[in-house]
């Protein structure tokens, strides 16, 4: 697996296309969720991209503090359908947290998790901070990661 951490301005047109296509294929088409995937935040983000011989296999978007929340956040976490269940999602989260901590040294990291993935994110140190709620027809929960080195 080849891992890249890029700003949108560092990506070429085909990389941007492949990233957006994967996001739309999963979050809009596969999950049957009509919503505006292009939310205007990609230009502020660091894009975590894991590639294999077939293209993008894993992806997450890291947003700096003050863009979506006061704390930096992880979002748009995806593992391509054919690679799910292989542990790649865990590797992706490890890479995302490591890079986010390296970049902004936060005490906390936020994310909005699809509710059925709460246990997955708990396995990476996140704790629920909300009750489940409906976001575009899919149950979600807000979660936070706290740096245990500051405790």
Protein backbone atom coordinates (compact mmCIF):
# COMPACT_ATOMS: atom_id res chain seq x y z
CA UNK A 1 0.00 0.00 0.00
CA UNK A 2 1.35 3.40 -0.97
CA UNK A 3 0.22 6.22 1.36
CA UNK A 4 0.07 9.88 0.28
CA UNK A 5 -0.88 12.98 2.24
CA UNK A 6 -1.75 15.82 -0.10
CA UNK A 7 -3.47 19.16 -0.25
CA UNK A 8 -5.94 19.54 -3.10
CA UNK A 9 -3.56 22.02 -4.77
CA UNK A 10 -0.85 19.32 -4.88
CA UNK A 11 -3.05 16.79 -6.67
CA UNK A 12 -3.33 16.51 -10.43
CA UNK A 13 -6.67 16.36 -12.19
CA UNK A 14 -6.83 12.57 -12.39
CA UNK A 15 -6.05 12.20 -8.67
CA UNK A 16 -8.82 14.65 -7.77
CA UNK A 17 -11.23 12.87 -10.11
CA UNK A 18 -10.39 9.42 -8.65
CA UNK A 19 -10.79 10.70 -5.09
CA UNK A 20 -14.14 12.37 -5.76
CA UNK A 21 -15.39 9.41 -7.77
CA UNK A 22 -14.68 7.03 -4.87
CA UNK A 23 -16.43 9.35 -2.42
CA UNK A 24 -19.50 9.72 -4.64
CA UNK A 25 -19.56 5.97 -5.46
CA UNK A 26 -19.62 5.08 -1.75
CA UNK A 27 -21.41 7.91 0.03
CA UNK A 28 -23.98 8.81 -2.63
CA UNK A 29 -24.49 5.74 -4.85
CA UNK A 30 -23.69 2.73 -2.61
CA UNK A 31 -25.38 4.22 0.44
CA UNK A 32 -28.32 5.59 -1.61
CA UNK A 33 -27.87 9.00 -0.02
CA UNK A 34 -28.61 12.05 -2.13
CA UNK A 35 -26.59 14.84 -0.53
CA UNK A 36 -24.04 17.42 -1.60
CA UNK A 37 -20.76 15.52 -1.40
CA UNK A 38 -18.86 18.59 -2.59
CA UNK A 39 -19.12 20.75 0.53
CA UNK A 40 -16.45 23.36 -0.17
CA UNK A 41 -14.01 22.06 2.48
CA UNK A 42 -11.65 20.01 0.31
CA UNK A 43 -9.37 22.97 -0.37
CA UNK A 44 -8.64 23.29 3.35
CA UNK A 45 -7.98 19.58 3.88
CA UNK A 46 -5.12 17.16 3.90
CA UNK A 47 -6.25 14.15 1.88
CA UNK A 48 -5.02 10.77 3.13
CA UNK A 49 -4.88 8.39 0.18
CA UNK A 50 -3.90 4.74 0.23
CA UNK A 51 -3.30 3.29 -3.25
CA UNK A 52 -2.85 -0.25 -4.43
CA UNK A 53 -2.48 -1.67 -7.95
CA UNK A 54 -6.18 -0.98 -8.62
CA UNK A 55 -6.12 2.68 -7.56
CA UNK A 56 -7.42 4.34 -4.41
CA UNK A 57 -8.18 1.65 -1.83
CA UNK A 58 -8.53 3.89 1.25
CA UNK A 59 -9.21 7.56 1.81
CA UNK A 60 -9.84 10.06 4.62
CA UNK A 61 -10.04 13.83 4.81
CA UNK A 62 -8.31 15.76 7.59
CA UNK A 63 -9.62 19.24 8.35
CA UNK A 64 -7.59 21.75 10.37
CA UNK A 65 -8.86 23.39 13.56
CA UNK A 66 -11.50 26.04 12.95
CA UNK A 67 -12.69 24.76 9.57
CA UNK A 68 -15.57 22.49 10.59
CA UNK A 69 -15.10 22.42 14.35
CA UNK A 70 -12.90 24.18 16.87
CA UNK A 71 -10.82 20.98 16.90
CA UNK A 72 -9.32 19.35 13.81
CA UNK A 73 -11.44 16.56 12.37
CA UNK A 74 -11.34 13.37 10.35
CA UNK A 75 -14.06 12.71 7.81
CA UNK A 76 -15.00 11.02 4.56
CA UNK A 77 -13.37 7.78 5.77
CA UNK A 78 -13.62 5.17 3.00
CA UNK A 79 -12.25 1.75 2.18
CA UNK A 80 -13.03 0.54 -1.36
CA UNK A 81 -15.63 -2.26 -1.31
CA UNK A 82 -13.24 -4.99 -2.44
CA UNK A 83 -10.75 -4.17 0.33
CA UNK A 84 -13.18 -4.00 3.27
CA UNK A 85 -12.68 -6.52 6.07
CA UNK A 86 -8.93 -6.72 5.46
CA UNK A 87 -7.79 -4.38 8.25
CA UNK A 88 -7.16 -1.57 5.78
CA UNK A 89 -9.67 0.68 7.57
CA UNK A 90 -7.65 0.34 10.77
CA UNK A 91 -4.43 1.17 8.92
CA UNK A 92 -6.16 4.20 7.38
CA UNK A 93 -7.31 5.49 10.77
CA UNK A 94 -3.85 4.95 12.25
CA UNK A 95 -2.30 6.94 9.39
CA UNK A 96 -4.94 9.68 9.63
CA UNK A 97 -4.57 10.15 13.40
CA UNK A 98 -0.78 10.05 13.19
CA UNK A 99 -0.68 12.70 10.44
CA UNK A 100 -3.28 14.91 12.11
CA UNK A 101 -1.32 14.85 15.40
CA UNK A 102 1.93 15.54 13.52
CA UNK A 103 0.37 18.45 11.62
CA UNK A 104 -1.63 20.25 14.35
CA UNK A 105 -0.69 18.61 17.70
CA UNK A 106 -4.28 18.73 18.93
CA UNK A 107 -5.51 17.73 22.34
CA UNK A 108 -8.73 16.50 20.70
CA UNK A 109 -9.91 15.26 17.29
CA UNK A 110 -13.55 15.28 16.19
CA UNK A 111 -15.49 13.11 13.79
CA UNK A 112 -19.05 12.38 12.77
CA UNK A 113 -19.38 8.60 12.58
CA UNK A 114 -22.05 6.58 10.94
CA UNK A 115 -23.65 5.02 13.99
CA UNK A 116 -23.05 1.41 12.92
CA UNK A 117 -19.28 2.18 12.92
CA UNK A 118 -19.14 3.49 16.50
CA UNK A 119 -17.30 0.38 17.75
CA UNK A 120 -14.72 0.69 14.94
CA UNK A 121 -13.91 4.28 15.93
CA UNK A 122 -13.91 3.43 19.66
CA UNK A 123 -11.14 0.97 18.78
CA UNK A 124 -9.09 3.99 17.71
CA UNK A 125 -9.63 5.93 20.92
CA UNK A 126 -12.78 7.89 20.03
CA UNK A 127 -15.63 8.34 22.51
CA UNK A 128 -19.24 9.19 21.69
CA UNK A 129 -20.25 12.71 22.71
CA UNK A 130 -23.78 12.74 21.31
CA UNK A 131 -26.82 10.56 21.02
CA UNK A 132 -27.44 9.08 17.56
CA UNK A 133 -29.04 11.52 15.12
CA UNK A 134 -30.18 11.47 11.51
CA UNK A 135 -27.80 13.01 8.96
CA UNK A 136 -29.08 12.78 5.37
CA UNK A 137 -31.13 9.67 6.20
CA UNK A 138 -28.27 7.79 7.91
CA UNK A 139 -27.87 7.47 11.70
CA UNK A 140 -24.71 9.25 12.90
CA UNK A 141 -23.00 9.97 16.20
CA UNK A 142 -20.47 12.65 17.14
CA UNK A 143 -17.23 11.34 18.58
CA UNK A 144 -14.06 12.82 20.04
CA UNK A 145 -10.50 11.56 20.51
CA UNK A 146 -8.48 12.99 23.38
CA UNK A 147 -4.70 12.86 23.42
CA UNK A 148 -3.86 10.76 26.48
CA UNK A 149 -0.36 12.28 26.58
CA UNK A 150 -1.88 15.53 27.90
CA UNK A 151 -3.69 13.86 30.81
